[in-house]
Amino acid sequence: MNIFDFALQMEKEATDFYARLSRQVAGKGPQQIFADLASDHAERRRYLESVRIAFGSTSGLNGQDLEEGVSPWHGLPSGTAMAAEFDDEAAYRFALKLEEEEVRCYADLLLGSRARETKSILRRITEEESRHLDRIRDLYDFINAPNQYLAWGEFSNLEEFHQFGRDVD
């Protein structure tokens, strides 16, 4: 299978997953964030298509390489099964886990590759996916900040938690 076909299929599966997830989560904020992630993966798919044109379509992977690097997006729950499984925060954590597995998948393929051109392509894809993962981690940290905040004992600003709709014990 061609590297680009594999990468394009992964991006399509990720786009579909985020589009379904954006329709299933409850809040408008998470709906928009997951719709934006779907859009990001669609944009990366267009980017990969342009890279394929630049490199040509001769770069391939053998079946053994692809068995070791199966797409983390393949075979995910869909529809109401997914909605029942995730609240908003769990959906963010699950998305982060999938993105980490996607980067790991490309890194494993890169380590197992021997051809210079294949390594070059996989390195480029892996670097782009790593940057995307960093952005998702930053987004998760921002969204989850009210859950992970620790106030200084002598200066309590716990009232600020009410701004986030949280009750403090």
N, C-alpha and C. Protein backbone atom coordinates (compact mmCIF):
# COMPACT_ATOMS: atom_id res chain seq x y z
N MET A 1 0.86 -1.18 0.00
CA MET A 1 0.00 0.00 0.00
C MET A 1 0.90 1.24 0.00
N ASN A 2 0.48 2.24 -0.69
CA ASN A 2 1.19 3.50 -0.79
C ASN A 2 1.10 4.26 0.54
N ILE A 3 2.19 4.89 0.94
CA ILE A 3 2.23 5.66 2.19
C ILE A 3 1.12 6.70 2.20
N PHE A 4 0.98 7.38 1.08
CA PHE A 4 -0.01 8.45 1.02
C PHE A 4 -1.43 7.92 1.11
N ASP A 5 -1.68 6.77 0.50
CA ASP A 5 -3.01 6.18 0.62
C ASP A 5 -3.32 5.85 2.08
N PHE A 6 -2.33 5.30 2.77
CA PHE A 6 -2.50 4.98 4.19
C PHE A 6 -2.75 6.24 5.01
N ALA A 7 -1.94 7.28 4.81
CA ALA A 7 -2.07 8.53 5.56
C ALA A 7 -3.39 9.23 5.24
N LEU A 8 -3.77 9.23 3.98
CA LEU A 8 -5.03 9.86 3.58
C LEU A 8 -6.22 9.13 4.19
N GLN A 9 -6.14 7.81 4.24
CA GLN A 9 -7.22 7.04 4.86
C GLN A 9 -7.32 7.34 6.36
N MET A 10 -6.16 7.46 7.03
CA MET A 10 -6.18 7.80 8.46
C MET A 10 -6.82 9.17 8.67
N GLU A 11 -6.48 10.14 7.83
CA GLU A 11 -7.05 11.48 7.97
C GLU A 11 -8.55 11.46 7.70
N LYS A 12 -8.99 10.67 6.75
CA LYS A 12 -10.43 10.57 6.47
C LYS A 12 -11.16 9.97 7.67
N GLU A 13 -10.60 8.90 8.25
CA GLU A 13 -11.22 8.28 9.42
C GLU A 13 -11.26 9.24 10.60
N ALA A 14 -10.20 10.03 10.80
CA ALA A 14 -10.16 11.01 11.88
C ALA A 14 -11.19 12.11 11.64
N THR A 15 -11.30 12.57 10.41
CA THR A 15 -12.29 13.60 10.07
C THR A 15 -13.70 13.10 10.36
N ASP A 16 -13.98 11.88 9.92
CA ASP A 16 -15.31 11.30 10.15
C ASP A 16 -15.60 11.15 11.65
N PHE A 17 -14.60 10.69 12.41
CA PHE A 17 -14.77 10.51 13.85
C PHE A 17 -15.10 11.84 14.53
N TYR A 18 -14.31 12.88 14.25
CA TYR A 18 -14.55 14.17 14.90
C TYR A 18 -15.87 14.79 14.46
N ALA A 19 -16.25 14.59 13.21
CA ALA A 19 -17.54 15.11 12.75
C ALA A 19 -18.69 14.42 13.50
N ARG A 20 -18.61 13.11 13.66
CA ARG A 20 -19.64 12.38 14.43
C ARG A 20 -19.63 12.82 15.88
N LEU A 21 -18.44 12.96 16.46
CA LEU A 21 -18.33 13.35 17.86
C LEU A 21 -18.89 14.76 18.08
N SER A 22 -18.66 15.65 17.14
CA SER A 22 -19.17 17.02 17.30
C SER A 22 -20.70 17.05 17.29
N ARG A 23 -21.31 16.10 16.61
CA ARG A 23 -22.77 16.04 16.61
C ARG A 23 -23.32 15.36 17.86
N GLN A 24 -22.48 14.64 18.60
CA GLN A 24 -22.95 13.85 19.73
C GLN A 24 -22.75 14.50 21.09
N VAL A 25 -21.72 15.37 21.22
CA VAL A 25 -21.48 15.97 22.54
C VAL A 25 -22.55 17.01 22.85
N ALA A 26 -22.70 17.30 24.13
CA ALA A 26 -23.82 18.11 24.59
C ALA A 26 -23.61 19.62 24.40
N GLY A 27 -22.50 20.14 24.81
CA GLY A 27 -22.32 21.59 24.83
C GLY A 27 -21.95 22.17 23.48
N LYS A 28 -22.30 23.44 23.29
CA LYS A 28 -21.97 24.12 22.03
C LYS A 28 -20.46 24.32 21.89
N GLY A 29 -19.76 24.58 22.99
CA GLY A 29 -18.31 24.74 22.95
C GLY A 29 -17.62 23.49 22.45
N PRO A 30 -17.88 22.33 23.10
CA PRO A 30 -17.27 21.09 22.63
C PRO A 30 -17.69 20.73 21.19
N GLN A 31 -18.93 21.02 20.84
CA GLN A 31 -19.36 20.75 19.47
C GLN A 31 -18.49 21.52 18.48
N GLN A 32 -18.24 22.80 18.78
CA GLN A 32 -17.43 23.62 17.88
C GLN A 32 -15.98 23.14 17.85
N ILE A 33 -15.45 22.77 19.00
CA ILE A 33 -14.06 22.31 19.06
C ILE A 33 -13.88 21.04 18.25
N PHE A 34 -14.79 20.08 18.39
CA PHE A 34 -14.65 18.84 17.64
C PHE A 34 -14.92 19.05 16.15
N ALA A 35 -15.81 19.98 15.81
CA ALA A 35 -16.01 20.33 14.40
C ALA A 35 -14.74 20.96 13.83
N ASP A 36 -14.07 21.79 14.64
CA ASP A 36 -12.80 22.39 14.21
C ASP A 36 -11.72 21.33 14.02
N LEU A 37 -11.70 20.34 14.91
CA LEU A 37 -10.73 19.24 14.76
C LEU A 37 -11.00 18.45 13.49
N ALA A 38 -12.28 18.23 13.17
CA ALA A 38 -12.63 17.56 11.92
C ALA A 38 -12.13 18.38 10.74
N SER A 39 -12.31 19.68 10.82
CA SER A 39 -11.84 20.57 9.76
C SER A 39 -10.32 20.54 9.65
N ASP A 40 -9.63 20.49 10.79
CA ASP A 40 -8.16 20.40 10.79
C ASP A 40 -7.68 19.14 10.08
N HIS A 41 -8.34 18.02 10.35
CA HIS A 41 -7.94 16.77 9.69
C HIS A 41 -8.26 16.80 8.21
N ALA A 42 -9.35 17.44 7.83
CA ALA A 42 -9.66 17.58 6.40
C ALA A 42 -8.60 18.46 5.72
N GLU A 43 -8.16 19.50 6.42
CA GLU A 43 -7.11 20.37 5.88
C GLU A 43 -5.80 19.60 5.74
N ARG A 44 -5.47 18.78 6.74
CA ARG A 44 -4.25 17.97 6.67
C ARG A 44 -4.34 16.95 5.54
N ARG A 45 -5.54 16.50 5.27
CA ARG A 45 -5.72 15.58 4.14
C ARG A 45 -5.37 16.28 2.82
N ARG A 46 -5.82 17.52 2.68
CA ARG A 46 -5.47 18.30 1.49
C ARG A 46 -3.96 18.54 1.44
N TYR A 47 -3.35 18.79 2.60
CA TYR A 47 -1.90 18.98 2.66
C TYR A 47 -1.18 17.70 2.19
N LEU A 48 -1.62 16.55 2.66
CA LEU A 48 -1.00 15.29 2.26
C LEU A 48 -1.16 15.04 0.76
N GLU A 49 -2.29 15.44 0.22
CA GLU A 49 -2.47 15.30 -1.22
C GLU A 49 -1.48 16.16 -1.99
N SER A 50 -1.19 17.36 -1.47
CA SER A 50 -0.20 18.21 -2.13
C SER A 50 1.21 17.63 -1.98
N VAL A 51 1.50 17.02 -0.83
CA VAL A 51 2.80 16.38 -0.63
C VAL A 51 2.93 15.18 -1.57
N ARG A 52 1.84 14.45 -1.76
CA ARG A 52 1.88 13.32 -2.67
C ARG A 52 2.24 13.77 -4.07
N ILE A 53 1.69 14.90 -4.50
CA ILE A 53 2.01 15.43 -5.82
C ILE A 53 3.49 15.81 -5.89
N ALA A 54 4.01 16.41 -4.82
CA ALA A 54 5.41 16.83 -4.80
C ALA A 54 6.37 15.64 -4.82
N PHE A 55 6.04 14.57 -4.09
CA PHE A 55 6.92 13.41 -4.00
C PHE A 55 6.65 12.39 -5.08
N GLY A 56 5.49 12.44 -5.68
CA GLY A 56 5.09 11.39 -6.61
C GLY A 56 4.41 10.29 -5.84
N SER A 57 3.82 9.35 -6.53
CA SER A 57 3.04 8.31 -5.86
C SER A 57 3.75 6.97 -5.87
N THR A 58 5.09 6.97 -5.96
CA THR A 58 5.81 5.71 -6.03
C THR A 58 6.22 5.16 -4.67
N SER A 59 6.08 5.96 -3.63
CA SER A 59 6.52 5.52 -2.31
C SER A 59 5.53 4.53 -1.73
N GLY A 60 6.02 3.36 -1.37
CA GLY A 60 5.12 2.35 -0.85
C GLY A 60 5.59 1.77 0.46
N LEU A 61 4.69 1.10 1.10
CA LEU A 61 4.98 0.35 2.31
C LEU A 61 4.54 -1.08 2.05
N ASN A 62 5.26 -2.02 2.62
CA ASN A 62 4.79 -3.39 2.42
C ASN A 62 3.74 -3.73 3.46
N GLY A 63 3.05 -4.82 3.27
CA GLY A 63 1.96 -5.20 4.16
C GLY A 63 2.39 -5.39 5.59
N GLN A 64 3.61 -5.86 5.82
CA GLN A 64 4.09 -6.08 7.17
C GLN A 64 4.20 -4.75 7.92
N ASP A 65 4.75 -3.72 7.26
CA ASP A 65 4.85 -2.41 7.89
C ASP A 65 3.48 -1.89 8.29
N LEU A 66 2.50 -2.07 7.43
CA LEU A 66 1.18 -1.54 7.71
C LEU A 66 0.46 -2.32 8.79
N GLU A 67 0.76 -3.62 8.91
CA GLU A 67 0.14 -4.38 10.00
C GLU A 67 0.63 -3.87 11.34
N GLU A 68 1.89 -3.46 11.41
CA GLU A 68 2.42 -2.93 12.67
C GLU A 68 1.88 -1.54 12.94
N GLY A 69 1.47 -0.82 11.92
CA GLY A 69 1.02 0.55 12.09
C GLY A 69 -0.43 0.75 11.71
N VAL A 70 -1.31 -0.08 12.23
CA VAL A 70 -2.72 0.03 11.90
C VAL A 70 -3.29 1.34 12.46
N SER A 71 -4.15 1.94 11.71
CA SER A 71 -4.73 3.23 12.08
C SER A 71 -5.51 3.14 13.39
N PRO A 72 -5.23 4.06 14.32
CA PRO A 72 -5.99 4.07 15.59
C PRO A 72 -7.44 4.52 15.38
N TRP A 73 -7.73 5.10 14.24
CA TRP A 73 -9.08 5.62 13.96
C TRP A 73 -10.00 4.53 13.44
N HIS A 74 -9.44 3.41 13.03
CA HIS A 74 -10.24 2.35 12.42
C HIS A 74 -11.05 1.59 13.48
N GLY A 75 -12.32 1.39 13.24
CA GLY A 75 -13.16 0.59 14.12
C GLY A 75 -13.60 1.26 15.39
N LEU A 76 -13.70 2.58 15.39
CA LEU A 76 -14.15 3.31 16.58
C LEU A 76 -15.66 3.25 16.71
N PRO A 77 -16.18 3.45 17.93
CA PRO A 77 -17.64 3.47 18.11
C PRO A 77 -18.25 4.61 17.31
N SER A 78 -19.51 4.45 16.95
CA SER A 78 -20.16 5.50 16.17
C SER A 78 -21.54 5.79 16.73
N GLY A 79 -22.06 6.94 16.35
CA GLY A 79 -23.44 7.30 16.65
C GLY A 79 -23.75 7.33 18.13
N THR A 80 -24.87 6.74 18.49
CA THR A 80 -25.34 6.80 19.87
C THR A 80 -24.44 6.02 20.82
N ALA A 81 -23.76 4.99 20.33
CA ALA A 81 -22.83 4.25 21.19
C ALA A 81 -21.72 5.17 21.66
N MET A 82 -21.26 6.04 20.79
CA MET A 82 -20.20 6.96 21.15
C MET A 82 -20.74 8.02 22.12
N ALA A 83 -21.93 8.51 21.88
CA ALA A 83 -22.51 9.54 22.75
C ALA A 83 -22.72 9.02 24.16
N ALA A 84 -23.14 7.78 24.29
CA ALA A 84 -23.39 7.21 25.60
C ALA A 84 -22.09 6.98 26.36
N GLU A 85 -21.02 6.77 25.63
CA GLU A 85 -19.73 6.44 26.24
C GLU A 85 -19.00 7.67 26.78
N PHE A 86 -19.22 8.85 26.19
CA PHE A 86 -18.41 10.02 26.52
C PHE A 86 -19.24 11.18 27.06
N ASP A 87 -18.75 11.75 28.18
CA ASP A 87 -19.18 13.10 28.51
C ASP A 87 -18.15 14.01 27.84
N ASP A 88 -18.30 15.32 27.98
CA ASP A 88 -17.43 16.23 27.25
C ASP A 88 -15.95 16.04 27.58
N GLU A 89 -15.64 15.96 28.88
CA GLU A 89 -14.24 15.82 29.26
C GLU A 89 -13.66 14.48 28.82
N ALA A 90 -14.43 13.42 28.94
CA ALA A 90 -13.97 12.10 28.50
C ALA A 90 -13.75 12.09 26.99
N ALA A 91 -14.57 12.81 26.27
CA ALA A 91 -14.40 12.90 24.81
C ALA A 91 -13.07 13.58 24.48
N TYR A 92 -12.74 14.65 25.21
CA TYR A 92 -11.45 15.31 24.99
C TYR A 92 -10.29 14.36 25.27
N ARG A 93 -10.37 13.66 26.39
CA ARG A 93 -9.29 12.73 26.75
C ARG A 93 -9.16 11.62 25.72
N PHE A 94 -10.28 11.10 25.25
CA PHE A 94 -10.25 10.04 24.25
C PHE A 94 -9.64 10.55 22.94
N ALA A 95 -10.01 11.76 22.54
CA ALA A 95 -9.45 12.35 21.32
C ALA A 95 -7.94 12.53 21.46
N LEU A 96 -7.51 12.98 22.62
CA LEU A 96 -6.08 13.16 22.87
C LEU A 96 -5.35 11.82 22.78
N LYS A 97 -5.94 10.78 23.33
CA LYS A 97 -5.34 9.44 23.27
C LYS A 97 -5.22 8.97 21.82
N LEU A 98 -6.26 9.19 21.02
CA LEU A 98 -6.22 8.78 19.62
C LEU A 98 -5.15 9.53 18.84
N GLU A 99 -5.04 10.83 19.12
CA GLU A 99 -4.01 11.62 18.44
C GLU A 99 -2.61 11.13 18.82
N GLU A 100 -2.41 10.79 20.09
CA GLU A 100 -1.11 10.25 20.52
C GLU A 100 -0.82 8.93 19.82
N GLU A 101 -1.84 8.07 19.69
CA GLU A 101 -1.65 6.80 19.00
C GLU A 101 -1.34 7.00 17.52
N GLU A 102 -1.93 8.03 16.92
CA GLU A 102 -1.65 8.32 15.52
C GLU A 102 -0.18 8.72 15.33
N VAL A 103 0.33 9.58 16.20
CA VAL A 103 1.74 9.97 16.12
C VAL A 103 2.63 8.76 16.34
N ARG A 104 2.28 7.93 17.32
CA ARG A 104 3.06 6.72 17.60
C ARG A 104 3.05 5.77 16.40
N CYS A 105 1.92 5.67 15.74
CA CYS A 105 1.79 4.82 14.54
C CYS A 105 2.78 5.28 13.46
N TYR A 106 2.80 6.58 13.18
CA TYR A 106 3.73 7.10 12.18
C TYR A 106 5.18 6.94 12.62
N ALA A 107 5.45 7.16 13.90
CA ALA A 107 6.82 7.00 14.41
C ALA A 107 7.29 5.55 14.27
N ASP A 108 6.40 4.60 14.55
CA ASP A 108 6.75 3.19 14.41
C ASP A 108 7.03 2.84 12.95
N LEU A 109 6.21 3.38 12.04
CA LEU A 109 6.45 3.15 10.62
C LEU A 109 7.78 3.76 10.19
N LEU A 110 8.10 4.94 10.73
CA LEU A 110 9.36 5.60 10.41
C LEU A 110 10.54 4.75 10.87
N LEU A 111 10.47 4.21 12.08
CA LEU A 111 11.56 3.38 12.61
C LEU A 111 11.74 2.10 11.79
N GLY A 112 10.64 1.55 11.30
CA GLY A 112 10.72 0.31 10.54
C GLY A 112 11.04 0.49 9.08
N SER A 113 11.08 1.70 8.61
CA SER A 113 11.31 1.97 7.19
C SER A 113 12.80 1.96 6.88
N ARG A 114 13.14 1.49 5.69
CA ARG A 114 14.55 1.44 5.29
C ARG A 114 14.86 2.38 4.14
N ALA A 115 13.90 2.61 3.25
CA ALA A 115 14.14 3.45 2.08
C ALA A 115 14.24 4.92 2.49
N ARG A 116 15.22 5.62 1.92
CA ARG A 116 15.45 7.02 2.26
C ARG A 116 14.23 7.89 1.94
N GLU A 117 13.64 7.71 0.76
CA GLU A 117 12.48 8.52 0.38
C GLU A 117 11.29 8.25 1.30
N THR A 118 11.08 7.00 1.64
CA THR A 118 10.00 6.65 2.55
C THR A 118 10.21 7.27 3.91
N LYS A 119 11.47 7.21 4.41
CA LYS A 119 11.78 7.84 5.70
C LYS A 119 11.52 9.34 5.65
N SER A 120 11.88 9.97 4.56
CA SER A 120 11.69 11.41 4.42
C SER A 120 10.20 11.77 4.49
N ILE A 121 9.40 11.02 3.78
CA ILE A 121 7.96 11.27 3.77
C ILE A 121 7.37 11.04 5.16
N LEU A 122 7.72 9.91 5.77
CA LEU A 122 7.18 9.58 7.10
C LEU A 122 7.65 10.58 8.15
N ARG A 123 8.89 11.04 8.05
CA ARG A 123 9.39 12.04 9.00
C ARG A 123 8.58 13.33 8.87
N ARG A 124 8.30 13.74 7.66
CA ARG A 124 7.51 14.96 7.43
C ARG A 124 6.10 14.82 7.99
N ILE A 125 5.48 13.68 7.75
CA ILE A 125 4.13 13.44 8.26
C ILE A 125 4.14 13.37 9.78
N THR A 126 5.11 12.68 10.35
CA THR A 126 5.21 12.54 11.81
C THR A 126 5.41 13.90 12.48
N GLU A 127 6.25 14.74 11.90
CA GLU A 127 6.47 16.07 12.47
C GLU A 127 5.19 16.90 12.44
N GLU A 128 4.46 16.84 11.34
CA GLU A 128 3.20 17.59 11.24
C GLU A 128 2.18 17.07 12.26
N GLU A 129 2.09 15.76 12.40
CA GLU A 129 1.15 15.17 13.37
C GLU A 129 1.57 15.51 14.80
N SER A 130 2.86 15.58 15.06
CA SER A 130 3.34 15.95 16.41
C SER A 130 2.96 17.39 16.74
N ARG A 131 3.08 18.28 15.77
CA ARG A 131 2.67 19.67 16.00
C ARG A 131 1.17 19.74 16.28
N HIS A 132 0.40 18.97 15.54
CA HIS A 132 -1.05 18.93 15.76
C HIS A 132 -1.37 18.40 17.16
N LEU A 133 -0.67 17.35 17.58
CA LEU A 133 -0.86 16.80 18.91
C LEU A 133 -0.54 17.83 19.99
N ASP A 134 0.51 18.60 19.81
CA ASP A 134 0.85 19.66 20.77
C ASP A 134 -0.28 20.68 20.89
N ARG A 135 -0.88 21.05 19.75
CA ARG A 135 -1.99 22.00 19.79
C ARG A 135 -3.19 21.42 20.53
N ILE A 136 -3.46 20.14 20.33
CA ILE A 136 -4.59 19.51 21.02
C ILE A 136 -4.31 19.41 22.52
N ARG A 137 -3.07 19.11 22.90
CA ARG A 137 -2.71 19.09 24.32
C ARG A 137 -2.90 20.47 24.96
N ASP A 138 -2.46 21.50 24.24
CA ASP A 138 -2.64 22.86 24.75
C ASP A 138 -4.13 23.18 24.91
N LEU A 139 -4.93 22.79 23.96
CA LEU A 139 -6.37 23.01 24.03
C LEU A 139 -6.97 22.28 25.22
N TYR A 140 -6.57 21.03 25.42
CA TYR A 140 -7.09 20.25 26.54
C TYR A 140 -6.67 20.89 27.87
N ASP A 141 -5.42 21.32 27.96
CA ASP A 141 -4.96 21.97 29.19
C ASP A 141 -5.76 23.23 29.48
N PHE A 142 -6.06 24.00 28.45
CA PHE A 142 -6.85 25.22 28.62
C PHE A 142 -8.26 24.90 29.08
N ILE A 143 -8.87 23.93 28.44
CA ILE A 143 -10.26 23.57 28.76
C ILE A 143 -10.35 22.96 30.15
N ASN A 144 -9.35 22.20 30.54
CA ASN A 144 -9.38 21.48 31.80
C ASN A 144 -8.78 22.29 32.95
N ALA A 145 -8.32 23.50 32.70
CA ALA A 145 -7.68 24.31 33.74
C ALA A 145 -8.52 24.46 35.00
N PRO A 146 -9.82 24.70 34.91
CA PRO A 146 -10.60 24.83 36.15
C PRO A 146 -10.61 23.56 37.01
N ASN A 147 -10.38 22.41 36.42
CA ASN A 147 -10.35 21.16 37.17
C ASN A 147 -8.99 20.91 37.82
N GLN A 148 -7.96 21.57 37.34
CA GLN A 148 -6.61 21.29 37.81
C GLN A 148 -5.97 22.48 38.53
N TYR A 149 -6.74 23.43 38.93
CA TYR A 149 -6.22 24.64 39.55
C TYR A 149 -6.04 24.43 41.04
N LEU A 150 -4.92 24.90 41.58
CA LEU A 150 -4.66 24.81 43.01
C LEU A 150 -4.38 26.22 43.53
N ALA A 151 -5.22 26.67 44.43
CA ALA A 151 -5.05 28.02 45.00
C ALA A 151 -4.05 27.98 46.15
N TRP A 152 -3.33 29.05 46.34
CA TRP A 152 -2.39 29.19 47.43
C TRP A 152 -3.17 29.28 48.72
N GLY A 153 -2.72 28.59 49.76
CA GLY A 153 -3.45 28.49 51.00
C GLY A 153 -3.70 29.81 51.71
N GLU A 154 -2.74 30.75 51.66
CA GLU A 154 -2.90 32.02 52.35
C GLU A 154 -3.68 33.04 51.52
N PHE A 155 -3.77 32.80 50.26
CA PHE A 155 -4.50 33.71 49.39
C PHE A 155 -5.51 32.89 48.61
N SER A 156 -6.69 32.83 49.10
CA SER A 156 -7.69 31.97 48.47
C SER A 156 -8.54 32.77 47.50
N ASN A 157 -8.53 32.33 46.28
CA ASN A 157 -9.41 32.91 45.28
C ASN A 157 -10.35 31.82 44.75
N LEU A 158 -10.80 30.99 45.65
CA LEU A 158 -11.68 29.89 45.27
C LEU A 158 -13.00 30.37 44.69
N GLU A 159 -13.36 31.61 44.96
CA GLU A 159 -14.59 32.16 44.38
C GLU A 159 -14.52 32.18 42.86
N GLU A 160 -13.30 32.22 42.31
CA GLU A 160 -13.15 32.23 40.86
C GLU A 160 -13.68 30.95 40.22
N PHE A 161 -13.72 29.87 40.99
CA PHE A 161 -14.24 28.63 40.43
C PHE A 161 -15.69 28.76 40.00
N HIS A 162 -16.43 29.65 40.66
CA HIS A 162 -17.83 29.84 40.30
C HIS A 162 -17.96 30.44 38.91
N GLN A 163 -16.93 31.12 38.43
CA GLN A 163 -16.95 31.65 37.08
C GLN A 163 -16.99 30.52 36.06
N PHE A 164 -16.42 29.40 36.43
CA PHE A 164 -16.37 28.26 35.53
C PHE A 164 -17.54 27.30 35.73
N GLY A 165 -18.48 27.69 36.58
CA GLY A 165 -19.63 26.83 36.82
C GLY A 165 -19.31 25.65 37.72
N ARG A 166 -18.28 25.77 38.54
CA ARG A 166 -17.86 24.69 39.39
C ARG A 166 -18.17 25.03 40.85
N ASP A 167 -18.55 24.04 41.60
CA ASP A 167 -18.72 24.20 43.04
C ASP A 167 -17.47 23.68 43.72
N VAL A 168 -17.07 24.36 44.76
CA VAL A 168 -15.87 24.00 45.50
C VAL A 168 -16.24 23.43 46.84
N ASP A 169 -15.62 22.33 47.22
CA ASP A 169 -15.90 21.71 48.53
C ASP A 169 -15.32 22.52 49.64
